[in-house]
PDB file of N, CA and C in Angstrom:
ATOM      1  N   MET A   1      -3.563   8.570 -48.704  1.00  0.00           N
ATOM      2  CA  MET A   1      -3.631   7.137 -48.429  1.00  0.00           C
ATOM      3  C   MET A   1      -2.422   6.728 -47.597  1.00  0.00           C
ATOM      4  N   LEU A   2      -2.689   5.991 -46.534  1.00  0.00           N
ATOM      5  CA  LEU A   2      -1.616   5.557 -45.657  1.00  0.00           C
ATOM      6  C   LEU A   2      -0.947   4.302 -46.206  1.00  0.00           C
ATOM      7  N   THR A   3       0.342   4.287 -46.088  1.00  0.00           N
ATOM      8  CA  THR A   3       1.077   3.082 -46.452  1.00  0.00           C
ATOM      9  C   THR A   3       1.105   2.152 -45.254  1.00  0.00           C
ATOM     10  N   ASN A   4       1.620   0.973 -45.475  1.00  0.00           N
ATOM     11  CA  ASN A   4       1.743   0.023 -44.363  1.00  0.00           C
ATOM     12  C   ASN A   4       2.646   0.574 -43.265  1.00  0.00           C
ATOM     13  N   LEU A   5       3.683   1.303 -43.651  1.00  0.00           N
ATOM     14  CA  LEU A   5       4.586   1.895 -42.665  1.00  0.00           C
ATOM     15  C   LEU A   5       3.874   2.963 -41.837  1.00  0.00           C
ATOM     16  N   GLY A   6       3.013   3.741 -42.469  1.00  0.00           N
ATOM     17  CA  GLY A   6       2.237   4.754 -41.757  1.00  0.00           C
ATOM     18  C   GLY A   6       1.259   4.129 -40.784  1.00  0.00           C
ATOM     19  N   ILE A   7       0.626   3.057 -41.203  1.00  0.00           N
ATOM     20  CA  ILE A   7      -0.307   2.349 -40.325  1.00  0.00           C
ATOM     21  C   ILE A   7       0.434   1.756 -39.136  1.00  0.00           C
ATOM     22  N   LEU A   8       1.606   1.195 -39.387  1.00  0.00           N
ATOM     23  CA  LEU A   8       2.415   0.638 -38.306  1.00  0.00           C
ATOM     24  C   LEU A   8       2.843   1.725 -37.323  1.00  0.00           C
ATOM     25  N   ALA A   9       3.224   2.888 -37.841  1.00  0.00           N
ATOM     26  CA  ALA A   9       3.627   4.005 -36.974  1.00  0.00           C
ATOM     27  C   ALA A   9       2.454   4.473 -36.110  1.00  0.00           C
ATOM     28  N   ILE A  10       1.274   4.559 -36.698  1.00  0.00           N
ATOM     29  CA  ILE A  10       0.088   4.960 -35.933  1.00  0.00           C
ATOM     30  C   ILE A  10      -0.241   3.903 -34.874  1.00  0.00           C
ATOM     31  N   PHE A  11      -0.098   2.637 -35.223  1.00  0.00           N
ATOM     32  CA  PHE A  11      -0.355   1.566 -34.254  1.00  0.00           C
ATOM     33  C   PHE A  11       0.608   1.653 -33.074  1.00  0.00           C
ATOM     34  N   TYR A  12       1.916   1.810 -33.355  1.00  0.00           N
ATOM     35  CA  TYR A  12       2.906   1.929 -32.284  1.00  0.00           C
ATOM     36  C   TYR A  12       2.642   3.168 -31.432  1.00  0.00           C
ATOM     37  N   ALA A  13       2.277   4.282 -32.054  1.00  0.00           N
ATOM     38  CA  ALA A  13       1.975   5.499 -31.298  1.00  0.00           C
ATOM     39  C   ALA A  13       0.781   5.273 -30.380  1.00  0.00           C
ATOM     40  N   ASN A  14      -0.212   4.562 -30.870  1.00  0.00           N
ATOM     41  CA  ASN A  14      -1.384   4.250 -30.061  1.00  0.00           C
ATOM     42  C   ASN A  14      -1.010   3.386 -28.860  1.00  0.00           C
ATOM     43  N   VAL A  15      -0.167   2.402 -29.071  1.00  0.00           N
ATOM     44  CA  VAL A  15       0.279   1.538 -27.972  1.00  0.00           C
ATOM     45  C   VAL A  15       1.044   2.353 -26.931  1.00  0.00           C
ATOM     46  N   VAL A  16       1.957   3.206 -27.392  1.00  0.00           N
ATOM     47  CA  VAL A  16       2.759   4.027 -26.478  1.00  0.00           C
ATOM     48  C   VAL A  16       1.860   4.941 -25.661  1.00  0.00           C
ATOM     49  N   VAL A  17       0.932   5.628 -26.296  1.00  0.00           N
ATOM     50  CA  VAL A  17       0.061   6.572 -25.595  1.00  0.00           C
ATOM     51  C   VAL A  17      -0.875   5.839 -24.636  1.00  0.00           C
ATOM     52  N   THR A  18      -1.378   4.683 -25.033  1.00  0.00           N
ATOM     53  CA  THR A  18      -2.270   3.917 -24.156  1.00  0.00           C
ATOM     54  C   THR A  18      -1.552   3.482 -22.885  1.00  0.00           C
ATOM     55  N   PHE A  19      -0.356   2.924 -23.029  1.00  0.00           N
ATOM     56  CA  PHE A  19       0.400   2.518 -21.848  1.00  0.00           C
ATOM     57  C   PHE A  19       0.838   3.727 -21.022  1.00  0.00           C
ATOM     58  N   ALA A  20       1.189   4.823 -21.674  1.00  0.00           N
ATOM     59  CA  ALA A  20       1.556   6.036 -20.932  1.00  0.00           C
ATOM     60  C   ALA A  20       0.382   6.523 -20.095  1.00  0.00           C
ATOM     61  N   PHE A  21      -0.824   6.449 -20.646  1.00  0.00           N
ATOM     62  CA  PHE A  21      -2.011   6.849 -19.894  1.00  0.00           C
ATOM     63  C   PHE A  21      -2.206   5.941 -18.681  1.00  0.00           C
ATOM     64  N   ILE A  22      -2.002   4.640 -18.858  1.00  0.00           N
ATOM     65  CA  ILE A  22      -2.122   3.701 -17.735  1.00  0.00           C
ATOM     66  C   ILE A  22      -1.104   4.038 -16.655  1.00  0.00           C
ATOM     67  N   TYR A  23       0.164   4.279 -17.053  1.00  0.00           N
ATOM     68  CA  TYR A  23       1.194   4.644 -16.076  1.00  0.00           C
ATOM     69  C   TYR A  23       0.834   5.953 -15.371  1.00  0.00           C
ATOM     70  N   PHE A  24       0.322   6.914 -16.119  1.00  0.00           N
ATOM     71  CA  PHE A  24      -0.045   8.210 -15.546  1.00  0.00           C
ATOM     72  C   PHE A  24      -1.150   8.049 -14.505  1.00  0.00           C
ATOM     73  N   VAL A  25      -2.173   7.273 -14.829  1.00  0.00           N
ATOM     74  CA  VAL A  25      -3.278   7.054 -13.889  1.00  0.00           C
ATOM     75  C   VAL A  25      -2.783   6.326 -12.643  1.00  0.00           C
ATOM     76  N   LEU A  26      -1.950   5.315 -12.822  1.00  0.00           N
ATOM     77  CA  LEU A  26      -1.406   4.601 -11.665  1.00  0.00           C
ATOM     78  C   LEU A  26      -0.536   5.513 -10.811  1.00  0.00           C
ATOM     79  N   ASP A  27       0.214   6.404 -11.445  1.00  0.00           N
ATOM     80  CA  ASP A  27       1.075   7.335 -10.715  1.00  0.00           C
ATOM     81  C   ASP A  27       0.234   8.350  -9.942  1.00  0.00           C
ATOM     82  N   ILE A  28      -0.772   8.897 -10.569  1.00  0.00           N
ATOM     83  CA  ILE A  28      -1.625   9.904  -9.924  1.00  0.00           C
ATOM     84  C   ILE A  28      -2.403   9.303  -8.748  1.00  0.00           C
ATOM     85  N   THR A  29      -2.893   8.080  -8.913  1.00  0.00           N
ATOM     86  CA  THR A  29      -3.686   7.451  -7.853  1.00  0.00           C
ATOM     87  C   THR A  29      -2.833   6.866  -6.736  1.00  0.00           C
ATOM     88  N   GLY A  30      -1.529   6.814  -6.937  1.00  0.00           N
ATOM     89  CA  GLY A  30      -0.639   6.271  -5.911  1.00  0.00           C
ATOM     90  C   GLY A  30      -0.520   4.760  -5.940  1.00  0.00           C
ATOM     91  N   LEU A  31      -1.046   4.124  -6.976  1.00  0.00           N
ATOM     92  CA  LEU A  31      -0.982   2.665  -7.076  1.00  0.00           C
ATOM     93  C   LEU A  31       0.295   2.165  -7.747  1.00  0.00           C
ATOM     94  N   GLY A  32       0.988   3.041  -8.449  1.00  0.00           N
ATOM     95  CA  GLY A  32       2.206   2.634  -9.143  1.00  0.00           C
ATOM     96  C   GLY A  32       2.989   3.831  -9.609  1.00  0.00           C
ATOM     97  N   ALA A  33       3.897   4.290  -8.782  1.00  0.00           N
ATOM     98  CA  ALA A  33       4.677   5.488  -9.107  1.00  0.00           C
ATOM     99  C   ALA A  33       5.693   5.207 -10.204  1.00  0.00           C
ATOM    100  N   ILE A  34       5.943   6.233 -11.002  1.00  0.00           N
ATOM    101  CA  ILE A  34       7.020   6.231 -11.991  1.00  0.00           C
ATOM    102  C   ILE A  34       8.020   7.275 -11.509  1.00  0.00           C
ATOM    103  N   ILE A  35       9.173   6.836 -11.043  1.00  0.00           N
ATOM    104  CA  ILE A  35      10.154   7.732 -10.434  1.00  0.00           C
ATOM    105  C   ILE A  35      11.298   8.000 -11.401  1.00  0.00           C
ATOM    106  N   ASP A  36      11.543   9.269 -11.677  1.00  0.00           N
ATOM    107  CA  ASP A  36      12.681   9.714 -12.481  1.00  0.00           C
ATOM    108  C   ASP A  36      13.808  10.055 -11.511  1.00  0.00           C
ATOM    109  N   HIS A  37      14.890   9.308 -11.561  1.00  0.00           N
ATOM    110  CA  HIS A  37      15.970   9.455 -10.582  1.00  0.00           C
ATOM    111  C   HIS A  37      16.821  10.700 -10.796  1.00  0.00           C
ATOM    112  N   TYR A  38      16.690  11.359 -11.933  1.00  0.00           N
ATOM    113  CA  TYR A  38      17.493  12.550 -12.213  1.00  0.00           C
ATOM    114  C   TYR A  38      16.687  13.832 -12.149  1.00  0.00           C
ATOM    115  N   SER A  39      15.437  13.731 -11.792  1.00  0.00           N
ATOM    116  CA  SER A  39      14.562  14.899 -11.692  1.00  0.00           C
ATOM    117  C   SER A  39      14.482  15.341 -10.233  1.00  0.00           C
ATOM    118  N   PRO A  40      14.454  16.655  -9.972  1.00  0.00           N
ATOM    119  CA  PRO A  40      14.299  17.108  -8.585  1.00  0.00           C
ATOM    120  C   PRO A  40      12.963  16.650  -8.005  1.00  0.00           C
ATOM    121  N   LEU A  41      12.921  16.390  -6.720  1.00  0.00           N
ATOM    122  CA  LEU A  41      11.709  15.882  -6.069  1.00  0.00           C
ATOM    123  C   LEU A  41      10.478  16.751  -6.272  1.00  0.00           C
ATOM    124  N   PRO A  42      10.575  18.087  -6.249  1.00  0.00           N
ATOM    125  CA  PRO A  42       9.342  18.872  -6.478  1.00  0.00           C
ATOM    126  C   PRO A  42       8.701  18.597  -7.839  1.00  0.00           C
ATOM    127  N   HIS A  43       9.506  18.261  -8.839  1.00  0.00           N
ATOM    128  CA  HIS A  43       8.951  17.975 -10.166  1.00  0.00           C
ATOM    129  C   HIS A  43       8.244  16.624 -10.210  1.00  0.00           C
ATOM    130  N   GLN A  44       8.594  15.725  -9.310  1.00  0.00           N
ATOM    131  CA  GLN A  44       7.968  14.409  -9.315  1.00  0.00           C
ATOM    132  C   GLN A  44       6.659  14.403  -8.538  1.00  0.00           C
ATOM    133  N   ASP A  45       6.488  15.294  -7.604  1.00  0.00           N
ATOM    134  CA  ASP A  45       5.322  15.251  -6.737  1.00  0.00           C
ATOM    135  C   ASP A  45       4.251  16.276  -7.081  1.00  0.00           C
ATOM    136  N   GLU A  46       4.609  17.411  -7.637  1.00  0.00           N
ATOM    137  CA  GLU A  46       3.652  18.496  -7.780  1.00  0.00           C
ATOM    138  C   GLU A  46       3.146  18.719  -9.203  1.00  0.00           C
ATOM    139  N   HIS A  47       3.979  18.563 -10.178  1.00  0.00           N
ATOM    140  CA  HIS A  47       3.624  18.946 -11.539  1.00  0.00           C
ATOM    141  C   HIS A  47       3.043  17.761 -12.315  1.00  0.00           C
ATOM    142  N   TRP A  48       1.772  17.875 -12.680  1.00  0.00           N
ATOM    143  CA  TRP A  48       1.125  16.796 -13.422  1.00  0.00           C
ATOM    144  C   TRP A  48       1.727  16.650 -14.815  1.00  0.00           C
ATOM    145  N   LEU A  49       2.209  17.756 -15.396  1.00  0.00           N
ATOM    146  CA  LEU A  49       2.808  17.685 -16.726  1.00  0.00           C
ATOM    147  C   LEU A  49       4.104  16.875 -16.695  1.00  0.00           C
ATOM    148  N   ASP A  50       4.905  17.049 -15.640  1.00  0.00           N
ATOM    149  CA  ASP A  50       6.132  16.253 -15.508  1.00  0.00           C
ATOM    150  C   ASP A  50       5.811  14.773 -15.333  1.00  0.00           C
ATOM    151  N   ARG A  51       4.765  14.483 -14.580  1.00  0.00           N
ATOM    152  CA  ARG A  51       4.354  13.082 -14.417  1.00  0.00           C
ATOM    153  C   ARG A  51       3.907  12.491 -15.751  1.00  0.00           C
ATOM    154  N   MET A  52       3.190  13.286 -16.539  1.00  0.00           N
ATOM    155  CA  MET A  52       2.723  12.811 -17.831  1.00  0.00           C
ATOM    156  C   MET A  52       3.906  12.575 -18.784  1.00  0.00           C
ATOM    157  N   ILE A  53       4.847  13.486 -18.795  1.00  0.00           N
ATOM    158  CA  ILE A  53       6.024  13.338 -19.658  1.00  0.00           C
ATOM    159  C   ILE A  53       6.856  12.139 -19.228  1.00  0.00           C
ATOM    160  N   ASN A  54       7.029  11.951 -17.912  1.00  0.00           N
ATOM    161  CA  ASN A  54       7.761  10.779 -17.424  1.00  0.00           C
ATOM    162  C   ASN A  54       7.047   9.488 -17.813  1.00  0.00           C
ATOM    163  N   SER A  55       5.728   9.475 -17.741  1.00  0.00           N
ATOM    164  CA  SER A  55       4.964   8.289 -18.130  1.00  0.00           C
ATOM    165  C   SER A  55       5.115   7.996 -19.612  1.00  0.00           C
ATOM    166  N   LEU A  56       5.068   9.038 -20.433  1.00  0.00           N
ATOM    167  CA  LEU A  56       5.239   8.861 -21.874  1.00  0.00           C
ATOM    168  C   LEU A  56       6.646   8.373 -22.208  1.00  0.00           C
ATOM    169  N   TYR A  57       7.643   8.985 -21.591  1.00  0.00           N
ATOM    170  CA  TYR A  57       9.037   8.574 -21.802  1.00  0.00           C
ATOM    171  C   TYR A  57       9.242   7.120 -21.377  1.00  0.00           C
ATOM    172  N   PHE A  58       8.721   6.768 -20.193  1.00  0.00           N
ATOM    173  CA  PHE A  58       8.880   5.402 -19.709  1.00  0.00           C
ATOM    174  C   PHE A  58       8.178   4.412 -20.639  1.00  0.00           C
ATOM    175  N   SER A  59       7.022   4.781 -21.159  1.00  0.00           N
ATOM    176  CA  SER A  59       6.293   3.915 -22.072  1.00  0.00           C
ATOM    177  C   SER A  59       7.097   3.658 -23.347  1.00  0.00           C
ATOM    178  N   VAL A  60       7.698   4.703 -23.884  1.00  0.00           N
ATOM    179  CA  VAL A  60       8.487   4.557 -25.118  1.00  0.00           C
ATOM    180  C   VAL A  60       9.695   3.661 -24.887  1.00  0.00           C
ATOM    181  N   ILE A  61      10.465   3.921 -23.814  1.00  0.00           N
ATOM    182  CA  ILE A  61      11.673   3.114 -23.607  1.00  0.00           C
ATOM    183  C   ILE A  61      11.345   1.686 -23.190  1.00  0.00           C
ATOM    184  N   THR A  62      10.181   1.470 -22.603  1.00  0.00           N
ATOM    185  CA  THR A  62       9.795   0.105 -22.243  1.00  0.00           C
ATOM    186  C   THR A  62       9.353  -0.672 -23.473  1.00  0.00           C
ATOM    187  N   LEU A  63       8.641  -0.020 -24.381  1.00  0.00           N
ATOM    188  CA  LEU A  63       8.170  -0.711 -25.582  1.00  0.00           C
ATOM    189  C   LEU A  63       9.306  -1.016 -26.551  1.00  0.00           C
ATOM    190  N   PHE A  64      10.237  -0.095 -26.707  1.00  0.00           N
ATOM    191  CA  PHE A  64      11.266  -0.239 -27.739  1.00  0.00           C
ATOM    192  C   PHE A  64      12.596  -0.776 -27.242  1.00  0.00           C
ATOM    193  N   SER A  65      12.781  -0.923 -25.946  1.00  0.00           N
ATOM    194  CA  SER A  65      14.052  -1.425 -25.429  1.00  0.00           C
ATOM    195  C   SER A  65      13.836  -2.006 -24.045  1.00  0.00           C
ATOM    196  N   VAL A  66      14.919  -2.264 -23.355  1.00  0.00           N
ATOM    197  CA  VAL A  66      14.821  -2.773 -21.993  1.00  0.00           C
ATOM    198  C   VAL A  66      14.887  -1.654 -20.968  1.00  0.00           C
ATOM    199  N   GLY A  67      14.937  -0.419 -21.419  1.00  0.00           N
ATOM    200  CA  GLY A  67      14.991   0.730 -20.519  1.00  0.00           C
ATOM    201  C   GLY A  67      16.423   1.161 -20.253  1.00  0.00           C
ATOM    202  N   TYR A  68      16.555   2.352 -19.709  1.00  0.00           N
ATOM    203  CA  TYR A  68      17.870   2.914 -19.436  1.00  0.00           C
ATOM    204  C   TYR A  68      18.214   2.918 -17.958  1.00  0.00           C
ATOM    205  N   GLY A  69      17.242   2.737 -17.083  1.00  0.00           N
ATOM    206  CA  GLY A  69      17.489   2.730 -15.655  1.00  0.00           C
ATOM    207  C   GLY A  69      17.325   4.083 -14.998  1.00  0.00           C
ATOM    208  N   ASP A  70      17.034   5.117 -15.773  1.00  0.00           N
ATOM    209  CA  ASP A  70      16.866   6.444 -15.185  1.00  0.00           C
ATOM    210  C   ASP A  70      15.453   6.663 -14.662  1.00  0.00           C
ATOM    211  N   VAL A  71      14.498   5.856 -15.126  1.00  0.00           N
ATOM    212  CA  VAL A  71      13.114   5.921 -14.662  1.00  0.00           C
ATOM    213  C   VAL A  71      12.734   4.517 -14.195  1.00  0.00           C
ATOM    214  N   THR A  72      12.141   4.448 -13.000  1.00  0.00           N
ATOM    215  CA  THR A  72      11.830   3.152 -12.406  1.00  0.00           C
ATOM    216  C   THR A  72      10.357   3.076 -12.021  1.00  0.00           C
ATOM    217  N   PRO A  73       9.695   1.971 -12.375  1.00  0.00           N
ATOM    218  CA  PRO A  73       8.300   1.805 -11.950  1.00  0.00           C
ATOM    219  C   PRO A  73       8.227   1.166 -10.561  1.00  0.00           C
ATOM    220  N   PHE A  74       7.181   1.502  -9.834  1.00  0.00           N
ATOM    221  CA  PHE A  74       6.928   0.900  -8.532  1.00  0.00           C
ATOM    222  C   PHE A  74       5.459   0.489  -8.471  1.00  0.00           C
ATOM    223  N   GLY A  75       5.122  -0.400  -7.568  1.00  0.00           N
ATOM    224  CA  GLY A  75       3.734  -0.812  -7.383  1.00  0.00           C
ATOM    225  C   GLY A  75       3.192  -1.554  -8.593  1.00  0.00           C
ATOM    226  N   LEU A  76       1.942  -1.252  -8.925  1.00  0.00           N
ATOM    227  CA  LEU A  76       1.284  -1.922 -10.053  1.00  0.00           C
ATOM    228  C   LEU A  76       1.918  -1.585 -11.398  1.00  0.00           C
ATOM    229  N   SER A  77       2.644  -0.475 -11.452  1.00  0.00           N
ATOM    230  CA  SER A  77       3.304  -0.094 -12.713  1.00  0.00           C
ATOM    231  C   SER A  77       4.339  -1.124 -13.138  1.00  0.00           C
ATOM    232  N   ARG A  78       4.881  -1.855 -12.184  1.00  0.00           N
ATOM    233  CA  ARG A  78       5.843  -2.909 -12.542  1.00  0.00           C
ATOM    234  C   ARG A  78       5.185  -4.001 -13.379  1.00  0.00           C
ATOM    235  N   GLY A  79       4.001  -4.425 -12.969  1.00  0.00           N
ATOM    236  CA  GLY A  79       3.282  -5.451 -13.733  1.00  0.00           C
ATOM    237  C   GLY A  79       2.895  -4.968 -15.116  1.00  0.00           C
ATOM    238  N   VAL A  80       2.468  -3.709 -15.202  1.00  0.00           N
ATOM    239  CA  VAL A  80       2.112  -3.131 -16.499  1.00  0.00           C
ATOM    240  C   VAL A  80       3.357  -3.048 -17.385  1.00  0.00           C
ATOM    241  N   ALA A  81       4.494  -2.701 -16.781  1.00  0.00           N
ATOM    242  CA  ALA A  81       5.747  -2.622 -17.544  1.00  0.00           C
ATOM    243  C   ALA A  81       6.143  -3.989 -18.088  1.00  0.00           C
ATOM    244  N   ILE A  82       5.914  -5.032 -17.321  1.00  0.00           N
ATOM    245  CA  ILE A  82       6.209  -6.389 -17.803  1.00  0.00           C
ATOM    246  C   ILE A  82       5.344  -6.720 -19.011  1.00  0.00           C
ATOM    247  N   LEU A  83       4.051  -6.403 -18.920  1.00  0.00           N
ATOM    248  CA  LEU A  83       3.151  -6.662 -20.056  1.00  0.00           C
ATOM    249  C   LEU A  83       3.567  -5.865 -21.288  1.00  0.00           C
ATOM    250  N   GLN A  84       3.928  -4.594 -21.083  1.00  0.00           N
ATOM    251  CA  GLN A  84       4.320  -3.773 -22.214  1.00  0.00           C
ATOM    252  C   GLN A  84       5.636  -4.261 -22.822  1.00  0.00           C
ATOM    253  N   ALA A  85       6.570  -4.673 -21.995  1.00  0.00           N
ATOM    254  CA  ALA A  85       7.842  -5.182 -22.519  1.00  0.00           C
ATOM    255  C   ALA A  85       7.627  -6.470 -23.320  1.00  0.00           C
ATOM    256  N   MET A  86       6.750  -7.336 -22.835  1.00  0.00           N
ATOM    257  CA  MET A  86       6.434  -8.559 -23.589  1.00  0.00           C
ATOM    258  C   MET A  86       5.777  -8.204 -24.911  1.00  0.00           C
ATOM    259  N   PHE A  87       4.869  -7.249 -24.893  1.00  0.00           N
ATOM    260  CA  PHE A  87       4.199  -6.810 -26.110  1.00  0.00           C
ATOM    261  C   PHE A  87       5.221  -6.233 -27.093  1.00  0.00           C
ATOM    262  N   GLY A  88       6.135  -5.404 -26.597  1.00  0.00           N
ATOM    263  CA  GLY A  88       7.163  -4.817 -27.448  1.00  0.00           C
ATOM    264  C   GLY A  88       8.152  -5.833 -27.980  1.00  0.00           C
ATOM    265  N   TYR A  89       8.326  -6.928 -27.264  1.00  0.00           N
ATOM    266  CA  TYR A  89       9.236  -7.986 -27.701  1.00  0.00           C
ATOM    267  C   TYR A  89       8.597  -8.859 -28.777  1.00  0.00           C
ATOM    268  N   ILE A  90       7.313  -9.138 -28.638  1.00  0.00           N
ATOM    269  CA  ILE A  90       6.616 -10.049 -29.546  1.00  0.00           C
ATOM    270  C   ILE A  90       6.126  -9.340 -30.807  1.00  0.00           C
ATOM    271  N   LEU A  91       5.743  -8.071 -30.696  1.00  0.00           N
ATOM    272  CA  LEU A  91       5.134  -7.354 -31.812  1.00  0.00           C
ATOM    273  C   LEU A  91       5.991  -7.316 -33.086  1.00  0.00           C
ATOM    274  N   PRO A  92       7.302  -7.051 -33.022  1.00  0.00           N
ATOM    275  CA  PRO A  92       8.079  -7.058 -34.272  1.00  0.00           C
ATOM    276  C   PRO A  92       8.060  -8.410 -34.986  1.00  0.00           C
ATOM    277  N   ALA A  93       8.082  -9.490 -34.237  1.00  0.00           N
ATOM    278  CA  ALA A  93       8.024 -10.814 -34.865  1.00  0.00           C
ATOM    279  C   ALA A  93       6.684 -11.021 -35.564  1.00  0.00           C
ATOM    280  N   VAL A  94       5.617 -10.578 -34.943  1.00  0.00           N
ATOM    281  CA  VAL A  94       4.288 -10.694 -35.549  1.00  0.00           C
ATOM    282  C   VAL A  94       4.211  -9.883 -36.834  1.00  0.00           C
ATOM    283  N   VAL A  95       4.770  -8.688 -36.809  1.00  0.00           N
ATOM    284  CA  VAL A  95       4.760  -7.833 -38.001  1.00  0.00           C
ATOM    285  C   VAL A  95       5.538  -8.484 -39.136  1.00  0.00           C
ATOM    286  N   VAL A  96       6.698  -9.040 -38.842  1.00  0.00           N
ATOM    287  CA  VAL A  96       7.507  -9.692 -39.878  1.00  0.00           C
ATOM    288  C   VAL A  96       6.784 -10.917 -40.429  1.00  0.00           C
ATOM    289  N   ILE A  97       6.186 -11.719 -39.574  1.00  0.00           N
ATOM    290  CA  ILE A  97       5.461 -12.907 -40.029  1.00  0.00           C
ATOM    291  C   ILE A  97       4.289 -12.510 -40.921  1.00  0.00           C
ATOM    292  N   GLN A  98       3.556 -11.477 -40.526  1.00  0.00           N
ATOM    293  CA  GLN A  98       2.430 -11.017 -41.354  1.00  0.00           C
ATOM    294  C   GLN A  98       2.921 -10.497 -42.703  1.00  0.00           C
ATOM    295  N   TYR A  99       4.041  -9.787 -42.703  1.00  0.00           N
ATOM    296  CA  TYR A  99       4.603  -9.268 -43.956  1.00  0.00           C
ATOM    297  C   TYR A  99       4.998 -10.434 -44.875  1.00  0.00           C
ATOM    298  N   LEU A 100       5.639 -11.445 -44.306  1.00  0.00           N
ATOM    299  CA  LEU A 100       6.047 -12.592 -45.113  1.00  0.00           C
ATOM    300  C   LEU A 100       4.836 -13.350 -45.639  1.00  0.00           C
ATOM    301  N   ARG A 101       3.790 -13.457 -44.836  1.00  0.00           N
ATOM    302  CA  ARG A 101       2.575 -14.143 -45.293  1.00  0.00           C
ATOM    303  C   ARG A 101       1.893 -13.360 -46.414  1.00  0.00           C
ATOM    304  N   MET A 102       1.899 -12.030 -46.324  1.00  0.00           N
ATOM    305  CA  MET A 102       1.295 -11.215 -47.387  1.00  0.00           C
ATOM    306  C   MET A 102       2.079 -11.365 -48.683  1.00  0.00           C
ATOM    307  N   ASN A 103       3.407 -11.366 -48.609  1.00  0.00           N
ATOM    308  CA  ASN A 103       4.220 -11.502 -49.809  1.00  0.00           C
ATOM    309  C   ASN A 103       4.133 -12.909 -50.387  1.00  0.00           C
ATOM    310  N   GLU A 104       3.948 -13.894 -49.542  1.00  0.00           N
ATOM    311  CA  GLU A 104       3.819 -15.267 -50.015  1.00  0.00           C
ATOM    312  C   GLU A 104       2.540 -15.451 -50.821  1.00  0.00           C
ATOM    313  N   SER A 105       1.467 -14.797 -50.383  1.00  0.00           N
ATOM    314  CA  SER A 105       0.184 -14.927 -51.095  1.00  0.00           C
ATOM    315  C   SER A 105       0.195 -14.153 -52.419  1.00  0.00           C
ATOM    316  N   ASP A 106       1.092 -13.181 -52.569  1.00  0.00           N
ATOM    317  CA  ASP A 106       1.179 -12.407 -53.818  1.00  0.00           C
ATOM    318  C   ASP A 106       1.855 -13.195 -54.937  1.00  0.00           C
ATOM    319  N   THR A 107       2.659 -14.175 -54.570  1.00  0.00           N
ATOM    320  CA  THR A 107       3.398 -14.929 -55.609  1.00  0.00           C
ATOM    321  C   THR A 107       2.674 -16.170 -56.029  1.00  0.00           C
TER     322      THR A 107
END
């Protein structure tokens, strides 16, 4: 049986993977590159696995923080990053409010 913390972890993982997939598709199609400034150029252009890892990494740091500056979105990925950052900013407040409402109804 999953606890509330387990459900929350699965939800966050789903959000991260979904946005990473969006970044990956935008990067592959050329509509929104995700550039890693510390990676050699051949790794950014040729290897699909490196693109996928960069997309996943960028998704995690965008959802949980303001980013580190080592990976930069371009094109449509910028708009998606704004949406994900807003989602990551609002989601903790929603979780806390729901938790307080659940505890209020128990008393």
